[in-house]
Amino acid sequence: MSVFDEKSRYLKFSHPLEAVDMRGRQVSWVTPARIPAQRLLGEHRRRDGQRLDRLASHYLDDPTGFWRIAAINDAMTAEAIADLPRVRIPVREG
């Protein structure tokens, strides 16, 4: 599916499917992304205003990898850990 960026978790960890809706239209969709197990690099003590995309850019070399930080902190969304003073950081993918 060309809708997703090449680093997208949906492109890497989900499956594209198609179905026909009640009106007979072909609908494309993807399964939920399966989050792979991650190894812990360490913890980061956050300062006021630090965003997860900036931390992901720094530690993971991928600003779109903020979801990996959320996942290793057992959060469904980045907003769920927005106010934590410390966040766990996963190891950068090789």
N, C-alpha and C. Protein backbone atom coordinates (compact mmCIF):
# COMPACT_ATOMS: atom_id res chain seq x y z
N MET A 1 0.84 -1.17 0.00
CA MET A 1 0.00 0.00 0.00
C MET A 1 0.89 1.24 0.00
N SER A 2 0.72 2.08 -0.96
CA SER A 2 1.56 3.25 -1.10
C SER A 2 1.17 4.40 -0.17
N VAL A 3 0.12 4.24 0.60
CA VAL A 3 -0.33 5.29 1.50
C VAL A 3 0.65 5.48 2.65
N PHE A 4 1.37 4.46 3.03
CA PHE A 4 2.23 4.49 4.19
C PHE A 4 3.68 4.81 3.83
N ASP A 5 4.34 5.54 4.73
CA ASP A 5 5.77 5.82 4.61
C ASP A 5 6.53 4.50 4.71
N GLU A 6 7.71 4.45 4.11
CA GLU A 6 8.49 3.20 4.11
C GLU A 6 8.89 2.74 5.51
N LYS A 7 8.92 3.65 6.50
CA LYS A 7 9.26 3.28 7.87
C LYS A 7 8.01 3.03 8.73
N SER A 8 6.84 3.08 8.13
CA SER A 8 5.60 2.95 8.88
C SER A 8 5.47 1.59 9.54
N ARG A 9 4.97 1.59 10.76
CA ARG A 9 4.71 0.32 11.46
C ARG A 9 3.62 -0.47 10.76
N TYR A 10 2.71 0.21 10.08
CA TYR A 10 1.64 -0.49 9.38
C TYR A 10 2.16 -1.19 8.13
N LEU A 11 3.14 -0.60 7.48
CA LEU A 11 3.73 -1.25 6.31
C LEU A 11 4.58 -2.46 6.74
N LYS A 12 5.28 -2.31 7.87
CA LYS A 12 6.17 -3.37 8.34
C LYS A 12 5.45 -4.49 9.10
N PHE A 13 4.46 -4.14 9.93
CA PHE A 13 3.93 -5.09 10.89
C PHE A 13 2.43 -5.36 10.78
N SER A 14 1.83 -5.05 9.65
CA SER A 14 0.41 -5.38 9.47
C SER A 14 0.22 -5.97 8.07
N HIS A 15 -0.99 -6.35 7.76
CA HIS A 15 -1.27 -6.97 6.48
C HIS A 15 -2.40 -6.23 5.77
N PRO A 16 -2.20 -5.88 4.51
CA PRO A 16 -3.28 -5.23 3.76
C PRO A 16 -4.35 -6.25 3.37
N LEU A 17 -5.58 -5.85 3.49
CA LEU A 17 -6.71 -6.70 3.13
C LEU A 17 -7.71 -5.90 2.32
N GLU A 18 -8.59 -6.58 1.63
CA GLU A 18 -9.65 -5.93 0.90
C GLU A 18 -10.97 -6.63 1.22
N ALA A 19 -12.02 -5.84 1.16
CA ALA A 19 -13.36 -6.38 1.43
C ALA A 19 -14.35 -5.61 0.57
N VAL A 20 -15.55 -6.11 0.50
CA VAL A 20 -16.62 -5.44 -0.21
C VAL A 20 -17.63 -4.97 0.84
N ASP A 21 -17.96 -3.67 0.82
CA ASP A 21 -18.91 -3.16 1.80
C ASP A 21 -20.35 -3.43 1.37
N MET A 22 -21.30 -2.99 2.17
CA MET A 22 -22.72 -3.28 1.92
C MET A 22 -23.23 -2.67 0.61
N ARG A 23 -22.55 -1.64 0.11
CA ARG A 23 -22.94 -1.02 -1.16
C ARG A 23 -22.25 -1.66 -2.36
N GLY A 24 -21.41 -2.65 -2.09
CA GLY A 24 -20.71 -3.33 -3.18
C GLY A 24 -19.39 -2.68 -3.56
N ARG A 25 -18.92 -1.72 -2.77
CA ARG A 25 -17.65 -1.05 -3.06
C ARG A 25 -16.48 -1.85 -2.50
N GLN A 26 -15.39 -1.84 -3.23
CA GLN A 26 -14.15 -2.48 -2.78
C GLN A 26 -13.49 -1.55 -1.76
N VAL A 27 -13.17 -2.07 -0.58
CA VAL A 27 -12.58 -1.28 0.49
C VAL A 27 -11.25 -1.91 0.89
N SER A 28 -10.18 -1.10 0.90
CA SER A 28 -8.88 -1.59 1.35
C SER A 28 -8.68 -1.18 2.80
N TRP A 29 -8.06 -2.06 3.58
CA TRP A 29 -7.77 -1.77 4.97
C TRP A 29 -6.57 -2.59 5.41
N VAL A 30 -6.04 -2.27 6.57
CA VAL A 30 -4.91 -3.04 7.10
C VAL A 30 -5.26 -3.55 8.49
N THR A 31 -4.68 -4.66 8.84
CA THR A 31 -4.86 -5.20 10.18
C THR A 31 -4.11 -4.30 11.17
N PRO A 32 -4.44 -4.36 12.44
CA PRO A 32 -3.66 -3.59 13.42
C PRO A 32 -2.19 -4.02 13.36
N ALA A 33 -1.31 -3.06 13.56
CA ALA A 33 0.12 -3.35 13.51
C ALA A 33 0.52 -4.18 14.73
N ARG A 34 1.17 -5.30 14.48
CA ARG A 34 1.70 -6.15 15.55
C ARG A 34 3.01 -5.51 16.02
N ILE A 35 3.05 -5.13 17.25
CA ILE A 35 4.24 -4.47 17.79
C ILE A 35 5.24 -5.55 18.21
N PRO A 36 6.41 -5.57 17.59
CA PRO A 36 7.39 -6.59 17.95
C PRO A 36 7.99 -6.33 19.33
N ALA A 37 8.53 -7.37 19.93
CA ALA A 37 9.22 -7.22 21.21
C ALA A 37 10.43 -6.32 21.00
N GLN A 38 10.70 -5.48 21.99
CA GLN A 38 11.82 -4.55 21.89
C GLN A 38 12.74 -4.72 23.08
N ARG A 39 14.01 -4.47 22.85
CA ARG A 39 14.97 -4.49 23.95
C ARG A 39 15.11 -3.07 24.50
N LEU A 40 15.35 -2.97 25.78
CA LEU A 40 15.45 -1.68 26.45
C LEU A 40 16.87 -1.13 26.35
N LEU A 41 16.98 0.10 25.88
CA LEU A 41 18.27 0.80 25.86
C LEU A 41 18.52 1.44 27.22
N GLY A 42 17.49 2.07 27.78
CA GLY A 42 17.60 2.73 29.07
C GLY A 42 16.42 3.66 29.28
N GLU A 43 16.57 4.59 30.21
CA GLU A 43 15.52 5.56 30.50
C GLU A 43 16.00 6.96 30.17
N HIS A 44 15.06 7.80 29.79
CA HIS A 44 15.36 9.20 29.51
C HIS A 44 14.56 10.07 30.47
N ARG A 45 15.22 10.98 31.14
CA ARG A 45 14.53 11.93 32.02
C ARG A 45 14.11 13.11 31.16
N ARG A 46 12.81 13.31 31.06
CA ARG A 46 12.28 14.35 30.18
C ARG A 46 12.34 15.72 30.81
N ARG A 47 12.55 16.69 29.94
CA ARG A 47 12.49 18.10 30.33
C ARG A 47 11.20 18.67 29.79
N ASP A 48 10.78 19.80 30.35
CA ASP A 48 9.56 20.45 29.88
C ASP A 48 9.62 20.68 28.38
N GLY A 49 8.54 20.31 27.70
CA GLY A 49 8.43 20.57 26.27
C GLY A 49 9.05 19.52 25.37
N GLN A 50 9.72 18.51 25.92
CA GLN A 50 10.31 17.48 25.07
C GLN A 50 9.22 16.61 24.48
N ARG A 51 9.22 16.49 23.17
CA ARG A 51 8.22 15.68 22.48
C ARG A 51 8.82 14.32 22.12
N LEU A 52 7.94 13.33 22.02
CA LEU A 52 8.40 11.97 21.71
C LEU A 52 9.01 11.86 20.32
N ASP A 53 8.52 12.63 19.36
CA ASP A 53 9.12 12.56 18.02
C ASP A 53 10.56 13.05 18.04
N ARG A 54 10.86 14.02 18.91
CA ARG A 54 12.24 14.51 19.03
C ARG A 54 13.12 13.46 19.72
N LEU A 55 12.57 12.81 20.74
CA LEU A 55 13.33 11.74 21.40
C LEU A 55 13.56 10.58 20.45
N ALA A 56 12.54 10.24 19.66
CA ALA A 56 12.69 9.16 18.68
C ALA A 56 13.73 9.52 17.63
N SER A 57 13.76 10.75 17.22
CA SER A 57 14.77 11.19 16.25
C SER A 57 16.17 11.05 16.84
N HIS A 58 16.32 11.45 18.10
CA HIS A 58 17.62 11.40 18.76
C HIS A 58 18.09 9.97 19.02
N TYR A 59 17.25 9.18 19.66
CA TYR A 59 17.65 7.84 20.08
C TYR A 59 17.51 6.78 18.99
N LEU A 60 16.48 6.91 18.15
CA LEU A 60 16.18 5.87 17.16
C LEU A 60 16.55 6.27 15.74
N ASP A 61 16.97 7.51 15.58
CA ASP A 61 17.28 8.06 14.25
C ASP A 61 16.06 7.98 13.33
N ASP A 62 14.87 8.15 13.93
CA ASP A 62 13.63 8.06 13.17
C ASP A 62 12.53 8.81 13.93
N PRO A 63 12.22 10.06 13.53
CA PRO A 63 11.20 10.81 14.26
C PRO A 63 9.82 10.16 14.21
N THR A 64 9.57 9.34 13.20
CA THR A 64 8.28 8.65 13.13
C THR A 64 8.24 7.42 14.03
N GLY A 65 9.34 7.11 14.70
CA GLY A 65 9.41 5.96 15.59
C GLY A 65 8.93 6.24 17.00
N PHE A 66 8.25 7.38 17.20
CA PHE A 66 7.73 7.71 18.53
C PHE A 66 6.83 6.61 19.07
N TRP A 67 6.16 5.88 18.16
CA TRP A 67 5.27 4.80 18.59
C TRP A 67 6.05 3.69 19.29
N ARG A 68 7.33 3.51 18.94
CA ARG A 68 8.15 2.49 19.60
C ARG A 68 8.41 2.88 21.05
N ILE A 69 8.59 4.17 21.30
CA ILE A 69 8.77 4.64 22.67
C ILE A 69 7.48 4.46 23.45
N ALA A 70 6.36 4.79 22.82
CA ALA A 70 5.06 4.59 23.48
C ALA A 70 4.86 3.11 23.80
N ALA A 71 5.18 2.24 22.85
CA ALA A 71 4.96 0.80 23.04
C ALA A 71 5.82 0.23 24.16
N ILE A 72 7.07 0.62 24.25
CA ILE A 72 7.93 0.06 25.30
C ILE A 72 7.55 0.59 26.68
N ASN A 73 6.76 1.68 26.70
CA ASN A 73 6.24 2.22 27.95
C ASN A 73 4.82 1.75 28.21
N ASP A 74 4.38 0.72 27.49
CA ASP A 74 3.05 0.12 27.65
C ASP A 74 1.92 1.13 27.48
N ALA A 75 2.08 2.04 26.52
CA ALA A 75 1.06 3.04 26.23
C ALA A 75 0.51 2.83 24.83
N MET A 76 -0.79 3.00 24.68
CA MET A 76 -1.41 2.85 23.37
C MET A 76 -1.10 4.04 22.46
N THR A 77 -0.95 5.22 23.05
CA THR A 77 -0.69 6.43 22.27
C THR A 77 0.44 7.23 22.91
N ALA A 78 1.01 8.13 22.13
CA ALA A 78 2.06 9.00 22.66
C ALA A 78 1.52 9.91 23.75
N GLU A 79 0.28 10.34 23.61
CA GLU A 79 -0.33 11.23 24.59
C GLU A 79 -0.43 10.58 25.97
N ALA A 80 -0.53 9.26 26.01
CA ALA A 80 -0.68 8.54 27.27
C ALA A 80 0.57 8.67 28.15
N ILE A 81 1.72 8.98 27.57
CA ILE A 81 2.94 9.13 28.37
C ILE A 81 3.51 10.54 28.28
N ALA A 82 2.70 11.48 27.79
CA ALA A 82 3.17 12.85 27.58
C ALA A 82 3.65 13.52 28.87
N ASP A 83 3.09 13.15 30.00
CA ASP A 83 3.44 13.82 31.25
C ASP A 83 4.38 13.01 32.15
N LEU A 84 4.84 11.87 31.67
CA LEU A 84 5.75 11.07 32.50
C LEU A 84 7.11 11.78 32.63
N PRO A 85 7.69 11.79 33.82
CA PRO A 85 9.00 12.44 33.99
C PRO A 85 10.14 11.61 33.40
N ARG A 86 9.94 10.30 33.30
CA ARG A 86 10.95 9.40 32.72
C ARG A 86 10.25 8.46 31.74
N VAL A 87 10.89 8.21 30.62
CA VAL A 87 10.35 7.26 29.66
C VAL A 87 11.42 6.25 29.30
N ARG A 88 10.99 5.01 29.13
CA ARG A 88 11.91 3.97 28.68
C ARG A 88 12.16 4.16 27.19
N ILE A 89 13.37 3.88 26.77
CA ILE A 89 13.80 4.05 25.38
C ILE A 89 14.23 2.68 24.83
N PRO A 90 13.70 2.28 23.67
CA PRO A 90 14.12 1.00 23.08
C PRO A 90 15.45 1.14 22.32
N VAL A 91 16.08 0.03 22.10
CA VAL A 91 17.31 -0.02 21.31
C VAL A 91 16.97 0.31 19.86
N ARG A 92 17.84 1.04 19.20
CA ARG A 92 17.67 1.38 17.79
C ARG A 92 17.70 0.11 16.95
N GLU A 93 16.81 0.03 15.97
CA GLU A 93 16.78 -1.13 15.07
C GLU A 93 18.00 -1.10 14.17
N GLY A 94 18.56 -2.27 13.90
CA GLY A 94 19.77 -2.37 13.08
C GLY A 94 19.45 -2.38 11.68
